[in-house]
Amino acid sequence: MREAGYRYVVIDDCWQGERDSLGWIHPNTQRFPSGMKALADYVHAKGLKFGTYSCAGNQTCGGHPGSRGHEYQDALTYAQWGVDYLKYDWCNTNGLNAVGAYTTMRDALFAAGRPVVFSVCEWGDNQPWLWGKDVGHLWRTTGDISPCFDCEVNHGSWSSWGIMRVVEMRKSIRQYAGPDHWNDPDMLEVGNGMSLNEDRAHFSLWCMMAAPLIAGNDIRSISTSTAEILTNQEVIAVDQDSLGVQGFCYTTTPDGVEVWVKPLVHGDWALCLLNRSERASTVDMHWQEYTLNDDIAKQAFDPGVFSYAIRDLWRHKEMGTTHDMLHAVIPSRDVITLRLTKQQ
C-alpha cells in the first residue's frame, strides 16, 4: 500500500489515558506501553507518516479526554511525539462555535511548529466547505459512513450512511474542493463486507470525487481482491490528479446508468459509468452526444472536435477511441472506469 501511495498510519479514538496534574495528555499505557513517541518513530522508520486523533469537546466520542481548553498543550505534545496528521472530531462540544474551535486548534498546531495535516471532522453540520479552506486540509462532509451500498443505519440519536447515501447528501459542493483543501466523504469501506462489485464502485466514486483515500479495513487480514482494488494505481491516479478538480454526475443514460466525469491535467478526462441498480445494464456511448464544459475546471470535453484514446482502468486495457461507439454491459452495482486521453 505504501508503494501505491498510501502514506499515513492514523490512530483513531480510544488511544488516550488521562491528563496529569498539569493538564498534559498521556496515552493508555496498557495499549501503548512504549508510548506514542516510540510508535511514531517506528512508523517513520517504515517510510510512513504518523497520525492521531482528538476532539474539540471536553470528551472524545469514545468518552476519553478531549482537547477543549488544552489545544496548545495537546498541539505541543503531538509535535514532540512526531505527529504528522490530526483528525479532530466534534463530540461533546456543548455549544462551541465550530469555526472558532477548529481555528483555535489550527493556530495551536501552527504555534507548535510541526507541519501537520489537519482533518476537520464535524460531520458537515456547520458547512465546513464554506470555511474549511483557511482552517484545515480536509473536512468531513457527512456523518459516519457504513459498509453498505445504499442504506441508513439508525443508532437512535444519529445515523451512519451507506455509500450512495453519502454521495447523494453532498452533490453540490464540488466547487469548494481543490489542492490542499478537500471534501472528505469519510473513510473507505472497501473490504468490510460489501460485494466485490460494490467495493469497486465505492472506490471508483471516491476517486472520481477527488476524496482523501483512507483505508478503513483491517489490513492484517486483507484479501487479494481488496488489495487489488485499494492499490489500483491507474484509478488512484484519477483521484490524485494534480489538477485537483472534484468530479460529478454529468447525466444518466436511458437505461439508468450514471455518467460521472472528472477533468484531468493536459485535457484528459476520467469517466465512470455507474450502475446503481440490482440488475445488469447495457450502455451504448455515442461520444458526440457527450460534449460538455466544466466551468469550475475551465475544461471542455468535445469528442466531436478531438479524438480521445480510451483505457479501461480496472481491466488495464485499451478500448479504441471516441471515434467509435462504446458498447458495454455493466453488472449490478458495478462500474466501468475509463481514462480518456486527448490525442493531438
C-alpha atoms as a PDB file:
ATOM      1  CA  MET A   1       0.000   0.000   0.000  1.00  0.00           C
ATOM      2  CA  ARG A   2       2.899   2.340   0.641  1.00  0.00           C
ATOM      3  CA  GLU A   3       4.121   1.758  -2.907  1.00  0.00           C
ATOM      4  CA  ALA A   4       0.631   2.594  -4.201  1.00  0.00           C
ATOM      5  CA  GLY A   5       0.819   5.986  -2.469  1.00  0.00           C
ATOM      6  CA  TYR A   6      -0.673   5.473   0.997  1.00  0.00           C
ATOM      7  CA  ARG A   7       1.461   7.470   3.410  1.00  0.00           C
ATOM      8  CA  TYR A   8      -0.243   7.923   6.786  1.00  0.00           C
ATOM      9  CA  VAL A   9      -0.993   5.459   9.571  1.00  0.00           C
ATOM     10  CA  VAL A  10      -3.622   7.179  11.723  1.00  0.00           C
ATOM     11  CA  ILE A  11      -4.836   6.083  15.154  1.00  0.00           C
ATOM     12  CA  ASP A  12      -8.491   6.896  15.789  1.00  0.00           C
ATOM     13  CA  ASP A  13     -10.261   7.378  19.132  1.00  0.00           C
ATOM     14  CA  CYS A  14      -9.517   5.485  22.382  1.00  0.00           C
ATOM     15  CA  TRP A  15      -5.705   5.744  22.478  1.00  0.00           C
ATOM     16  CA  GLN A  16      -5.912   8.212  25.377  1.00  0.00           C
ATOM     17  CA  GLY A  17      -5.108   7.612  29.016  1.00  0.00           C
ATOM     18  CA  GLU A  18      -5.555  10.518  31.415  1.00  0.00           C
ATOM     19  CA  ARG A  19      -4.247  14.043  31.824  1.00  0.00           C
ATOM     20  CA  ASP A  20      -1.679  14.617  34.559  1.00  0.00           C
ATOM     21  CA  SER A  21      -1.915  17.278  37.260  1.00  0.00           C
ATOM     22  CA  LEU A  22      -0.612  19.923  34.831  1.00  0.00           C
ATOM     23  CA  GLY A  23      -3.076  19.001  32.097  1.00  0.00           C
ATOM     24  CA  TRP A  24      -0.731  17.109  29.746  1.00  0.00           C
ATOM     25  CA  ILE A  25      -2.315  14.185  27.926  1.00  0.00           C
ATOM     26  CA  HIS A  26      -0.783  10.691  28.157  1.00  0.00           C
ATOM     27  CA  PRO A  27      -1.588   7.552  26.169  1.00  0.00           C
ATOM     28  CA  ASN A  28      -3.217   4.460  27.614  1.00  0.00           C
ATOM     29  CA  THR A  29      -0.219   2.572  28.975  1.00  0.00           C
ATOM     30  CA  GLN A  30      -1.807  -0.862  28.535  1.00  0.00           C
ATOM     31  CA  ARG A  31      -2.498  -0.276  24.851  1.00  0.00           C
ATOM     32  CA  PHE A  32       0.686   1.687  24.160  1.00  0.00           C
ATOM     33  CA  PRO A  33       3.251   0.632  26.760  1.00  0.00           C
ATOM     34  CA  SER A  34       6.173   2.154  24.846  1.00  0.00           C
ATOM     35  CA  GLY A  35       4.398   5.487  24.400  1.00  0.00           C
ATOM     36  CA  MET A  36       3.469   7.491  21.328  1.00  0.00           C
ATOM     37  CA  LYS A  37       6.933   8.847  20.550  1.00  0.00           C
ATOM     38  CA  ALA A  38       8.269   5.293  20.159  1.00  0.00           C
ATOM     39  CA  LEU A  39       5.300   4.373  17.975  1.00  0.00           C
ATOM     40  CA  ALA A  40       5.743   7.445  15.760  1.00  0.00           C
ATOM     41  CA  ASP A  41       9.457   6.674  15.397  1.00  0.00           C
ATOM     42  CA  TYR A  42       8.604   3.110  14.389  1.00  0.00           C
ATOM     43  CA  VAL A  43       6.091   4.298  11.763  1.00  0.00           C
ATOM     44  CA  HIS A  44       8.555   6.856  10.406  1.00  0.00           C
ATOM     45  CA  ALA A  45      11.229   4.139  10.124  1.00  0.00           C
ATOM     46  CA  LYS A  46       8.876   2.293   7.763  1.00  0.00           C
ATOM     47  CA  GLY A  47       8.857   5.263   5.403  1.00  0.00           C
ATOM     48  CA  LEU A  48       5.374   6.290   6.519  1.00  0.00           C
ATOM     49  CA  LYS A  49       3.854   9.173   8.471  1.00  0.00           C
ATOM     50  CA  PHE A  50       2.025   9.025  11.778  1.00  0.00           C
ATOM     51  CA  GLY A  51      -1.384  10.433  12.662  1.00  0.00           C
ATOM     52  CA  THR A  52      -3.530  10.631  15.750  1.00  0.00           C
ATOM     53  CA  TYR A  53      -6.963  11.752  16.898  1.00  0.00           C
ATOM     54  CA  SER A  54      -8.534  14.231  19.269  1.00  0.00           C
ATOM     55  CA  CYS A  55     -11.812  16.043  19.700  1.00  0.00           C
ATOM     56  CA  ALA A  56     -12.894  19.676  20.080  1.00  0.00           C
ATOM     57  CA  GLY A  57     -15.132  18.772  23.021  1.00  0.00           C
ATOM     58  CA  ASN A  58     -14.463  18.018  26.674  1.00  0.00           C
ATOM     59  CA  GLN A  59     -14.543  14.322  25.839  1.00  0.00           C
ATOM     60  CA  THR A  60     -13.986  12.367  22.657  1.00  0.00           C
ATOM     61  CA  CYS A  61     -16.754  10.332  21.049  1.00  0.00           C
ATOM     62  CA  GLY A  62     -15.403   7.316  22.961  1.00  0.00           C
ATOM     63  CA  GLY A  63     -15.524   9.139  26.298  1.00  0.00           C
ATOM     64  CA  HIS A  64     -11.831   9.928  26.656  1.00  0.00           C
ATOM     65  CA  PRO A  65     -10.232  13.328  27.371  1.00  0.00           C
ATOM     66  CA  GLY A  66     -10.878  15.814  24.565  1.00  0.00           C
ATOM     67  CA  SER A  67      -8.818  18.878  23.727  1.00  0.00           C
ATOM     68  CA  ARG A  68     -11.199  21.648  24.807  1.00  0.00           C
ATOM     69  CA  GLY A  69      -9.150  24.097  26.884  1.00  0.00           C
ATOM     70  CA  HIS A  70      -5.947  22.144  26.190  1.00  0.00           C
ATOM     71  CA  GLU A  71      -5.463  22.877  22.492  1.00  0.00           C
ATOM     72  CA  TYR A  72      -1.994  24.433  22.775  1.00  0.00           C
ATOM     73  CA  GLN A  73      -0.802  21.785  25.241  1.00  0.00           C
ATOM     74  CA  ASP A  74      -2.000  18.992  23.012  1.00  0.00           C
ATOM     75  CA  ALA A  75      -0.500  20.507  19.873  1.00  0.00           C
ATOM     76  CA  LEU A  76       2.886  20.768  21.624  1.00  0.00           C
ATOM     77  CA  THR A  77       2.566  17.171  22.790  1.00  0.00           C
ATOM     78  CA  TYR A  78       1.767  15.960  19.283  1.00  0.00           C
ATOM     79  CA  ALA A  79       4.756  17.865  17.894  1.00  0.00           C
ATOM     80  CA  GLN A  80       7.035  16.264  20.497  1.00  0.00           C
ATOM     81  CA  TRP A  81       5.717  12.828  19.603  1.00  0.00           C
ATOM     82  CA  GLY A  82       6.264  13.418  15.871  1.00  0.00           C
ATOM     83  CA  VAL A  83       2.627  13.510  14.763  1.00  0.00           C
ATOM     84  CA  ASP A  84       2.087  14.320  11.065  1.00  0.00           C
ATOM     85  CA  TYR A  85      -1.739  14.176  10.863  1.00  0.00           C
ATOM     86  CA  LEU A  86      -4.546  15.094  13.254  1.00  0.00           C
ATOM     87  CA  LYS A  87      -8.171  14.038  12.929  1.00  0.00           C
ATOM     88  CA  TYR A  88     -10.200  16.438  15.090  1.00  0.00           C
ATOM     89  CA  ASP A  89     -13.709  15.260  15.984  1.00  0.00           C
ATOM     90  CA  TRP A  90     -16.835  17.119  17.180  1.00  0.00           C
ATOM     91  CA  CYS A  91     -18.415  15.151  20.048  1.00  0.00           C
ATOM     92  CA  ASN A  92     -19.373  16.681  23.432  1.00  0.00           C
ATOM     93  CA  THR A  93     -18.814  20.234  22.223  1.00  0.00           C
ATOM     94  CA  ASN A  94     -21.665  21.739  24.284  1.00  0.00           C
ATOM     95  CA  GLY A  95     -22.469  24.807  22.197  1.00  0.00           C
ATOM     96  CA  LEU A  96     -18.981  25.547  20.869  1.00  0.00           C
ATOM     97  CA  ASN A  97     -18.709  27.542  17.658  1.00  0.00           C
ATOM     98  CA  ALA A  98     -17.255  25.210  15.046  1.00  0.00           C
ATOM     99  CA  VAL A  99     -15.244  27.814  13.140  1.00  0.00           C
ATOM    100  CA  GLY A 100     -13.784  29.153  16.374  1.00  0.00           C
ATOM    101  CA  ALA A 101     -12.986  25.727  17.815  1.00  0.00           C
ATOM    102  CA  TYR A 102     -11.240  24.450  14.706  1.00  0.00           C
ATOM    103  CA  THR A 103      -9.408  27.740  14.189  1.00  0.00           C
ATOM    104  CA  THR A 104      -8.087  27.531  17.743  1.00  0.00           C
ATOM    105  CA  MET A 105      -6.614  24.097  17.119  1.00  0.00           C
ATOM    106  CA  ARG A 106      -5.247  25.236  13.768  1.00  0.00           C
ATOM    107  CA  ASP A 107      -3.465  28.108  15.490  1.00  0.00           C
ATOM    108  CA  ALA A 108      -2.159  25.760  18.174  1.00  0.00           C
ATOM    109  CA  LEU A 109      -0.729  23.432  15.527  1.00  0.00           C
ATOM    110  CA  PHE A 110       0.927  26.388  13.810  1.00  0.00           C
ATOM    111  CA  ALA A 111       2.409  27.564  17.117  1.00  0.00           C
ATOM    112  CA  ALA A 112       3.804  24.093  17.849  1.00  0.00           C
ATOM    113  CA  GLY A 113       5.895  24.411  14.708  1.00  0.00           C
ATOM    114  CA  ARG A 114       5.488  20.939  13.182  1.00  0.00           C
ATOM    115  CA  PRO A 115       3.722  20.540   9.807  1.00  0.00           C
ATOM    116  CA  VAL A 116       0.521  18.580  10.383  1.00  0.00           C
ATOM    117  CA  VAL A 117      -2.311  17.597   8.028  1.00  0.00           C
ATOM    118  CA  PHE A 118      -5.419  18.855   9.831  1.00  0.00           C
ATOM    119  CA  SER A 119      -8.624  16.874   9.294  1.00  0.00           C
ATOM    120  CA  VAL A 120     -11.779  18.796  10.258  1.00  0.00           C
ATOM    121  CA  CYS A 121     -14.288  16.152  11.370  1.00  0.00           C
ATOM    122  CA  GLU A 122     -17.508  17.935  12.348  1.00  0.00           C
ATOM    123  CA  TRP A 123     -19.667  15.813  10.012  1.00  0.00           C
ATOM    124  CA  GLY A 124     -20.776  18.661   7.731  1.00  0.00           C
ATOM    125  CA  ASP A 125     -23.106  20.094  10.378  1.00  0.00           C
ATOM    126  CA  ASN A 126     -21.686  23.609  10.079  1.00  0.00           C
ATOM    127  CA  GLN A 127     -20.980  23.648   6.332  1.00  0.00           C
ATOM    128  CA  PRO A 128     -17.187  23.362   6.666  1.00  0.00           C
ATOM    129  CA  TRP A 129     -16.760  23.585   2.895  1.00  0.00           C
ATOM    130  CA  LEU A 130     -17.546  27.302   3.267  1.00  0.00           C
ATOM    131  CA  TRP A 131     -14.745  27.998   5.766  1.00  0.00           C
ATOM    132  CA  GLY A 132     -12.531  24.916   5.903  1.00  0.00           C
ATOM    133  CA  LYS A 133     -10.019  26.019   3.264  1.00  0.00           C
ATOM    134  CA  ASP A 134      -8.445  28.521   5.663  1.00  0.00           C
ATOM    135  CA  VAL A 135      -8.584  26.178   8.648  1.00  0.00           C
ATOM    136  CA  GLY A 136      -7.788  22.598   7.614  1.00  0.00           C
ATOM    137  CA  HIS A 137      -6.726  20.437   4.710  1.00  0.00           C
ATOM    138  CA  LEU A 138      -9.828  18.221   4.529  1.00  0.00           C
ATOM    139  CA  TRP A 139     -13.259  18.322   6.087  1.00  0.00           C
ATOM    140  CA  ARG A 140     -15.867  15.644   6.597  1.00  0.00           C
ATOM    141  CA  THR A 141     -18.980  16.342   4.584  1.00  0.00           C
ATOM    142  CA  THR A 142     -21.420  13.940   6.312  1.00  0.00           C
ATOM    143  CA  GLY A 143     -21.890  11.764   9.359  1.00  0.00           C
ATOM    144  CA  ASP A 144     -20.139   8.414   9.628  1.00  0.00           C
ATOM    145  CA  ILE A 145     -20.059   6.016   6.717  1.00  0.00           C
ATOM    146  CA  SER A 146     -21.313   2.417   6.940  1.00  0.00           C
ATOM    147  CA  PRO A 147     -20.229  -0.635   4.893  1.00  0.00           C
ATOM    148  CA  CYS A 148     -23.402  -0.948   2.811  1.00  0.00           C
ATOM    149  CA  PHE A 149     -24.098   0.269  -0.695  1.00  0.00           C
ATOM    150  CA  ASP A 150     -27.338   2.167  -0.117  1.00  0.00           C
ATOM    151  CA  CYS A 151     -28.725   2.166   3.429  1.00  0.00           C
ATOM    152  CA  GLU A 152     -29.180   4.105   6.643  1.00  0.00           C
ATOM    153  CA  VAL A 153     -28.069   2.530   9.916  1.00  0.00           C
ATOM    154  CA  ASN A 154     -30.059   4.164  12.717  1.00  0.00           C
ATOM    155  CA  HIS A 155     -28.206   4.370  16.052  1.00  0.00           C
ATOM    156  CA  GLY A 156     -31.009   6.185  17.871  1.00  0.00           C
ATOM    157  CA  SER A 157     -29.760   9.757  18.203  1.00  0.00           C
ATOM    158  CA  TRP A 158     -27.699   9.578  14.992  1.00  0.00           C
ATOM    159  CA  SER A 159     -27.317   7.528  11.818  1.00  0.00           C
ATOM    160  CA  SER A 160     -24.469   6.223   9.737  1.00  0.00           C
ATOM    161  CA  TRP A 161     -24.849   6.081   5.986  1.00  0.00           C
ATOM    162  CA  GLY A 162     -24.213   3.751   3.077  1.00  0.00           C
ATOM    163  CA  ILE A 163     -22.035   4.659   0.122  1.00  0.00           C
ATOM    164  CA  MET A 164     -24.721   6.107  -2.139  1.00  0.00           C
ATOM    165  CA  ARG A 165     -26.423   7.968   0.736  1.00  0.00           C
ATOM    166  CA  VAL A 166     -23.133   9.774   1.419  1.00  0.00           C
ATOM    167  CA  VAL A 167     -22.766  10.625  -2.272  1.00  0.00           C
ATOM    168  CA  GLU A 168     -26.335  11.921  -2.562  1.00  0.00           C
ATOM    169  CA  MET A 169     -26.066  14.168   0.506  1.00  0.00           C
ATOM    170  CA  ARG A 170     -23.390  16.442  -0.912  1.00  0.00           C
ATOM    171  CA  LYS A 171     -23.719  16.667  -4.691  1.00  0.00           C
ATOM    172  CA  SER A 172     -23.455  20.459  -4.887  1.00  0.00           C
ATOM    173  CA  ILE A 173     -20.214  21.333  -3.066  1.00  0.00           C
ATOM    174  CA  ARG A 174     -17.535  20.276  -5.552  1.00  0.00           C
ATOM    175  CA  GLN A 175     -16.591  23.900  -6.209  1.00  0.00           C
ATOM    176  CA  TYR A 176     -15.134  24.190  -2.695  1.00  0.00           C
ATOM    177  CA  ALA A 177     -12.564  21.406  -3.130  1.00  0.00           C
ATOM    178  CA  GLY A 178      -9.104  21.790  -4.604  1.00  0.00           C
ATOM    179  CA  PRO A 179      -5.397  21.267  -3.957  1.00  0.00           C
ATOM    180  CA  ASP A 180      -4.737  21.146  -0.180  1.00  0.00           C
ATOM    181  CA  HIS A 181      -8.427  21.600   0.717  1.00  0.00           C
ATOM    182  CA  TRP A 182     -10.640  18.593   0.088  1.00  0.00           C
ATOM    183  CA  ASN A 183     -14.198  17.440   0.650  1.00  0.00           C
ATOM    184  CA  ASP A 184     -13.928  14.268   2.743  1.00  0.00           C
ATOM    185  CA  PRO A 185     -16.858  11.815   2.394  1.00  0.00           C
ATOM    186  CA  ASP A 186     -15.280   9.627   5.128  1.00  0.00           C
ATOM    187  CA  MET A 187     -13.031   6.606   5.055  1.00  0.00           C
ATOM    188  CA  LEU A 188     -13.232   3.771   2.545  1.00  0.00           C
ATOM    189  CA  GLU A 189     -15.287   0.703   3.442  1.00  0.00           C
ATOM    190  CA  VAL A 190     -13.607  -1.482   0.820  1.00  0.00           C
ATOM    191  CA  GLY A 191     -13.029  -4.932   2.295  1.00  0.00           C
ATOM    192  CA  ASN A 192     -15.574  -4.526   5.091  1.00  0.00           C
ATOM    193  CA  GLY A 193     -18.321  -6.849   3.881  1.00  0.00           C
ATOM    194  CA  MET A 194     -19.794  -5.440   0.680  1.00  0.00           C
ATOM    195  CA  SER A 195     -19.645  -7.346  -2.609  1.00  0.00           C
ATOM    196  CA  LEU A 196     -16.650  -7.063  -4.919  1.00  0.00           C
ATOM    197  CA  ASN A 197     -18.774  -5.062  -7.378  1.00  0.00           C
ATOM    198  CA  GLU A 198     -19.869  -2.641  -4.655  1.00  0.00           C
ATOM    199  CA  ASP A 199     -16.313  -2.239  -3.378  1.00  0.00           C
ATOM    200  CA  ARG A 200     -15.087  -1.422  -6.874  1.00  0.00           C
ATOM    201  CA  ALA A 201     -17.903   1.096  -7.406  1.00  0.00           C
ATOM    202  CA  HIS A 202     -17.241   2.674  -3.996  1.00  0.00           C
ATOM    203  CA  PHE A 203     -13.520   3.096  -4.664  1.00  0.00           C
ATOM    204  CA  SER A 204     -14.142   4.469  -8.167  1.00  0.00           C
ATOM    205  CA  LEU A 205     -16.611   7.089  -6.908  1.00  0.00           C
ATOM    206  CA  TRP A 206     -14.233   8.264  -4.166  1.00  0.00           C
ATOM    207  CA  CYS A 207     -11.507   8.659  -6.789  1.00  0.00           C
ATOM    208  CA  MET A 208     -13.856  10.496  -9.140  1.00  0.00           C
ATOM    209  CA  MET A 209     -14.738  12.859  -6.274  1.00  0.00           C
ATOM    210  CA  ALA A 210     -11.043  13.546  -5.514  1.00  0.00           C
ATOM    211  CA  ALA A 211     -11.710  12.279  -1.993  1.00  0.00           C
ATOM    212  CA  PRO A 212      -8.932  11.576   0.506  1.00  0.00           C
ATOM    213  CA  LEU A 213      -8.300   7.829   0.269  1.00  0.00           C
ATOM    214  CA  ILE A 214      -8.359   6.500   3.830  1.00  0.00           C
ATOM    215  CA  ALA A 215      -8.458   2.708   4.086  1.00  0.00           C
ATOM    216  CA  GLY A 216     -10.879   1.684   6.836  1.00  0.00           C
ATOM    217  CA  ASN A 217     -10.438  -2.096   6.602  1.00  0.00           C
ATOM    218  CA  ASP A 218      -8.221  -4.395   8.674  1.00  0.00           C
ATOM    219  CA  ILE A 219      -5.078  -4.605   6.581  1.00  0.00           C
ATOM    220  CA  ARG A 220      -3.790  -7.501   8.705  1.00  0.00           C
ATOM    221  CA  SER A 221      -6.357  -9.756   7.038  1.00  0.00           C
ATOM    222  CA  ILE A 222      -6.705  -8.076   3.661  1.00  0.00           C
ATOM    223  CA  SER A 223      -7.848 -10.307   0.782  1.00  0.00           C
ATOM    224  CA  THR A 224      -6.225 -10.334  -2.633  1.00  0.00           C
ATOM    225  CA  SER A 225      -9.302  -8.786  -4.259  1.00  0.00           C
ATOM    226  CA  THR A 226      -9.469  -5.991  -1.665  1.00  0.00           C
ATOM    227  CA  ALA A 227      -5.763  -5.271  -2.077  1.00  0.00           C
ATOM    228  CA  GLU A 228      -6.163  -5.129  -5.857  1.00  0.00           C
ATOM    229  CA  ILE A 229      -8.898  -2.503  -5.514  1.00  0.00           C
ATOM    230  CA  LEU A 230      -7.106  -0.356  -2.943  1.00  0.00           C
ATOM    231  CA  THR A 231      -3.803  -0.402  -4.836  1.00  0.00           C
ATOM    232  CA  ASN A 232      -5.045   0.074  -8.416  1.00  0.00           C
ATOM    233  CA  GLN A 233      -2.625   2.811  -9.338  1.00  0.00           C
ATOM    234  CA  GLU A 234      -4.449   3.776 -12.536  1.00  0.00           C
ATOM    235  CA  VAL A 235      -7.621   4.553 -10.596  1.00  0.00           C
ATOM    236  CA  ILE A 236      -5.635   6.185  -7.779  1.00  0.00           C
ATOM    237  CA  ALA A 237      -4.050   8.451 -10.402  1.00  0.00           C
ATOM    238  CA  VAL A 238      -7.529   9.788 -11.185  1.00  0.00           C
ATOM    239  CA  ASP A 239      -8.033  10.643  -7.519  1.00  0.00           C
ATOM    240  CA  GLN A 240      -4.570  12.182  -7.162  1.00  0.00           C
ATOM    241  CA  ASP A 241      -4.601  14.122 -10.438  1.00  0.00           C
ATOM    242  CA  SER A 242      -2.725  17.379  -9.933  1.00  0.00           C
ATOM    243  CA  LEU A 243      -5.499  19.498 -11.458  1.00  0.00           C
ATOM    244  CA  GLY A 244      -7.312  18.820  -8.189  1.00  0.00           C
ATOM    245  CA  VAL A 245     -10.877  19.072  -9.510  1.00  0.00           C
ATOM    246  CA  GLN A 246     -13.692  17.039  -7.978  1.00  0.00           C
ATOM    247  CA  GLY A 247     -15.758  15.067 -10.481  1.00  0.00           C
ATOM    248  CA  PHE A 248     -19.531  14.987 -10.722  1.00  0.00           C
ATOM    249  CA  CYS A 249     -22.508  13.093 -12.133  1.00  0.00           C
ATOM    250  CA  TYR A 250     -22.988  14.653 -15.564  1.00  0.00           C
ATOM    251  CA  THR A 251     -26.050  12.743 -16.772  1.00  0.00           C
ATOM    252  CA  THR A 252     -27.962   9.465 -16.612  1.00  0.00           C
ATOM    253  CA  THR A 253     -28.443   7.243 -19.651  1.00  0.00           C
ATOM    254  CA  PRO A 254     -31.905   5.967 -20.704  1.00  0.00           C
ATOM    255  CA  ASP A 255     -31.024   2.639 -19.043  1.00  0.00           C
ATOM    256  CA  GLY A 256     -30.365   4.369 -15.710  1.00  0.00           C
ATOM    257  CA  VAL A 257     -26.554   4.298 -15.808  1.00  0.00           C
ATOM    258  CA  GLU A 258     -24.991   7.356 -14.191  1.00  0.00           C
ATOM    259  CA  VAL A 259     -22.214   9.037 -16.191  1.00  0.00           C
ATOM    260  CA  TRP A 260     -19.628  10.570 -13.858  1.00  0.00           C
ATOM    261  CA  VAL A 261     -16.893  12.794 -15.272  1.00  0.00           C
ATOM    262  CA  LYS A 262     -13.720  14.337 -13.869  1.00  0.00           C
ATOM    263  CA  PRO A 263     -11.381  16.700 -15.726  1.00  0.00           C
ATOM    264  CA  LEU A 264      -7.702  15.812 -15.540  1.00  0.00           C
ATOM    265  CA  VAL A 265      -4.461  17.525 -16.474  1.00  0.00           C
ATOM    266  CA  HIS A 266      -3.457  18.017 -20.124  1.00  0.00           C
ATOM    267  CA  GLY A 267      -7.053  17.967 -21.322  1.00  0.00           C
ATOM    268  CA  ASP A 268      -7.670  14.354 -20.308  1.00  0.00           C
ATOM    269  CA  TRP A 269     -10.889  13.188 -18.630  1.00  0.00           C
ATOM    270  CA  ALA A 270     -11.891  10.354 -16.342  1.00  0.00           C
ATOM    271  CA  LEU A 271     -15.304   8.847 -16.938  1.00  0.00           C
ATOM    272  CA  CYS A 272     -17.106   6.423 -14.643  1.00  0.00           C
ATOM    273  CA  LEU A 273     -20.242   4.559 -15.708  1.00  0.00           C
ATOM    274  CA  LEU A 274     -22.125   3.600 -12.530  1.00  0.00           C
ATOM    275  CA  ASN A 275     -24.898   1.027 -12.493  1.00  0.00           C
ATOM    276  CA  ARG A 276     -26.732   1.570  -9.187  1.00  0.00           C
ATOM    277  CA  SER A 277     -29.470  -0.953  -9.938  1.00  0.00           C
ATOM    278  CA  GLU A 278     -29.751  -4.573  -8.832  1.00  0.00           C
ATOM    279  CA  ARG A 279     -29.604  -5.888 -12.389  1.00  0.00           C
ATOM    280  CA  ALA A 280     -27.061  -5.635 -15.186  1.00  0.00           C
ATOM    281  CA  SER A 281     -27.409  -2.655 -17.529  1.00  0.00           C
ATOM    282  CA  THR A 282     -26.298  -2.112 -21.099  1.00  0.00           C
ATOM    283  CA  VAL A 283     -24.862   1.168 -22.249  1.00  0.00           C
ATOM    284  CA  ASP A 284     -24.109   2.433 -25.755  1.00  0.00           C
ATOM    285  CA  MET A 285     -21.981   5.574 -25.704  1.00  0.00           C
ATOM    286  CA  HIS A 286     -22.219   7.716 -28.829  1.00  0.00           C
ATOM    287  CA  TRP A 287     -19.443  10.047 -27.753  1.00  0.00           C
ATOM    288  CA  GLN A 288     -20.515  13.044 -29.810  1.00  0.00           C
ATOM    289  CA  GLU A 289     -23.629  13.273 -27.600  1.00  0.00           C
ATOM    290  CA  TYR A 290     -21.493  13.949 -24.529  1.00  0.00           C
ATOM    291  CA  THR A 291     -19.974  17.342 -25.187  1.00  0.00           C
ATOM    292  CA  LEU A 292     -19.605  19.379 -22.005  1.00  0.00           C
ATOM    293  CA  ASN A 293     -17.903  22.406 -20.464  1.00  0.00           C
ATOM    294  CA  ASP A 294     -16.884  22.382 -16.814  1.00  0.00           C
ATOM    295  CA  ASP A 295     -16.993  25.977 -15.585  1.00  0.00           C
ATOM    296  CA  ILE A 296     -15.179  25.092 -12.360  1.00  0.00           C
ATOM    297  CA  ALA A 297     -12.194  23.475 -14.062  1.00  0.00           C
ATOM    298  CA  LYS A 298     -12.379  25.672 -17.169  1.00  0.00           C
ATOM    299  CA  GLN A 299     -12.079  22.465 -19.168  1.00  0.00           C
ATOM    300  CA  ALA A 300     -14.061  21.231 -22.163  1.00  0.00           C
ATOM    301  CA  PHE A 301     -14.785  17.717 -23.374  1.00  0.00           C
ATOM    302  CA  ASP A 302     -15.602  17.804 -27.077  1.00  0.00           C
ATOM    303  CA  PRO A 303     -15.268  14.412 -28.824  1.00  0.00           C
ATOM    304  CA  GLY A 304     -16.815  15.952 -31.914  1.00  0.00           C
ATOM    305  CA  VAL A 305     -13.664  18.051 -32.369  1.00  0.00           C
ATOM    306  CA  PHE A 306     -10.952  15.997 -30.630  1.00  0.00           C
ATOM    307  CA  SER A 307     -10.325  12.286 -30.532  1.00  0.00           C
ATOM    308  CA  TYR A 308      -9.668  10.643 -27.170  1.00  0.00           C
ATOM    309  CA  ALA A 309      -7.957   7.304 -26.620  1.00  0.00           C
ATOM    310  CA  ILE A 310      -9.943   5.141 -24.185  1.00  0.00           C
ATOM    311  CA  ARG A 311      -8.406   2.989 -21.453  1.00  0.00           C
ATOM    312  CA  ASP A 312     -10.339   0.753 -19.054  1.00  0.00           C
ATOM    313  CA  LEU A 313      -8.703   1.333 -15.654  1.00  0.00           C
ATOM    314  CA  TRP A 314      -9.993  -1.822 -13.983  1.00  0.00           C
ATOM    315  CA  ARG A 315      -9.193  -4.204 -16.819  1.00  0.00           C
ATOM    316  CA  HIS A 316      -5.987  -2.290 -17.681  1.00  0.00           C
ATOM    317  CA  LYS A 317      -6.923  -2.478 -21.345  1.00  0.00           C
ATOM    318  CA  GLU A 318      -7.034  -0.083 -24.289  1.00  0.00           C
ATOM    319  CA  MET A 319     -10.514   0.270 -25.802  1.00  0.00           C
ATOM    320  CA  GLY A 320     -10.041   2.220 -29.013  1.00  0.00           C
ATOM    321  CA  THR A 321     -11.021   5.854 -29.373  1.00  0.00           C
ATOM    322  CA  THR A 322     -14.061   8.090 -29.141  1.00  0.00           C
ATOM    323  CA  HIS A 323     -14.487   7.836 -32.914  1.00  0.00           C
ATOM    324  CA  ASP A 324     -16.293   4.556 -32.263  1.00  0.00           C
ATOM    325  CA  MET A 325     -19.364   3.829 -30.170  1.00  0.00           C
ATOM    326  CA  LEU A 326     -18.687   2.216 -26.792  1.00  0.00           C
ATOM    327  CA  HIS A 327     -20.905  -0.782 -26.091  1.00  0.00           C
ATOM    328  CA  ALA A 328     -20.697  -2.278 -22.605  1.00  0.00           C
ATOM    329  CA  VAL A 329     -22.647  -4.356 -20.104  1.00  0.00           C
ATOM    330  CA  ILE A 330     -22.238  -3.201 -16.513  1.00  0.00           C
ATOM    331  CA  PRO A 331     -23.056  -5.720 -13.771  1.00  0.00           C
ATOM    332  CA  SER A 332     -25.308  -4.797 -10.865  1.00  0.00           C
ATOM    333  CA  ARG A 333     -23.842  -2.172  -8.527  1.00  0.00           C
ATOM    334  CA  ASP A 334     -20.635  -2.023 -10.510  1.00  0.00           C
ATOM    335  CA  VAL A 335     -18.733   0.444 -12.657  1.00  0.00           C
ATOM    336  CA  ILE A 336     -16.680   0.851 -15.776  1.00  0.00           C
ATOM    337  CA  THR A 337     -13.973   3.430 -15.119  1.00  0.00           C
ATOM    338  CA  LEU A 338     -12.204   4.955 -18.105  1.00  0.00           C
ATOM    339  CA  ARG A 339      -9.406   7.386 -18.783  1.00  0.00           C
ATOM    340  CA  LEU A 340      -9.895   9.430 -21.954  1.00  0.00           C
ATOM    341  CA  THR A 341      -6.579  10.769 -23.240  1.00  0.00           C
ATOM    342  CA  LYS A 342      -6.782  13.670 -25.620  1.00  0.00           C
ATOM    343  CA  GLN A 343      -4.997  12.983 -28.902  1.00  0.00           C
ATOM    344  CA  GLN A 344      -3.175  15.730 -30.741  1.00  0.00           C
END
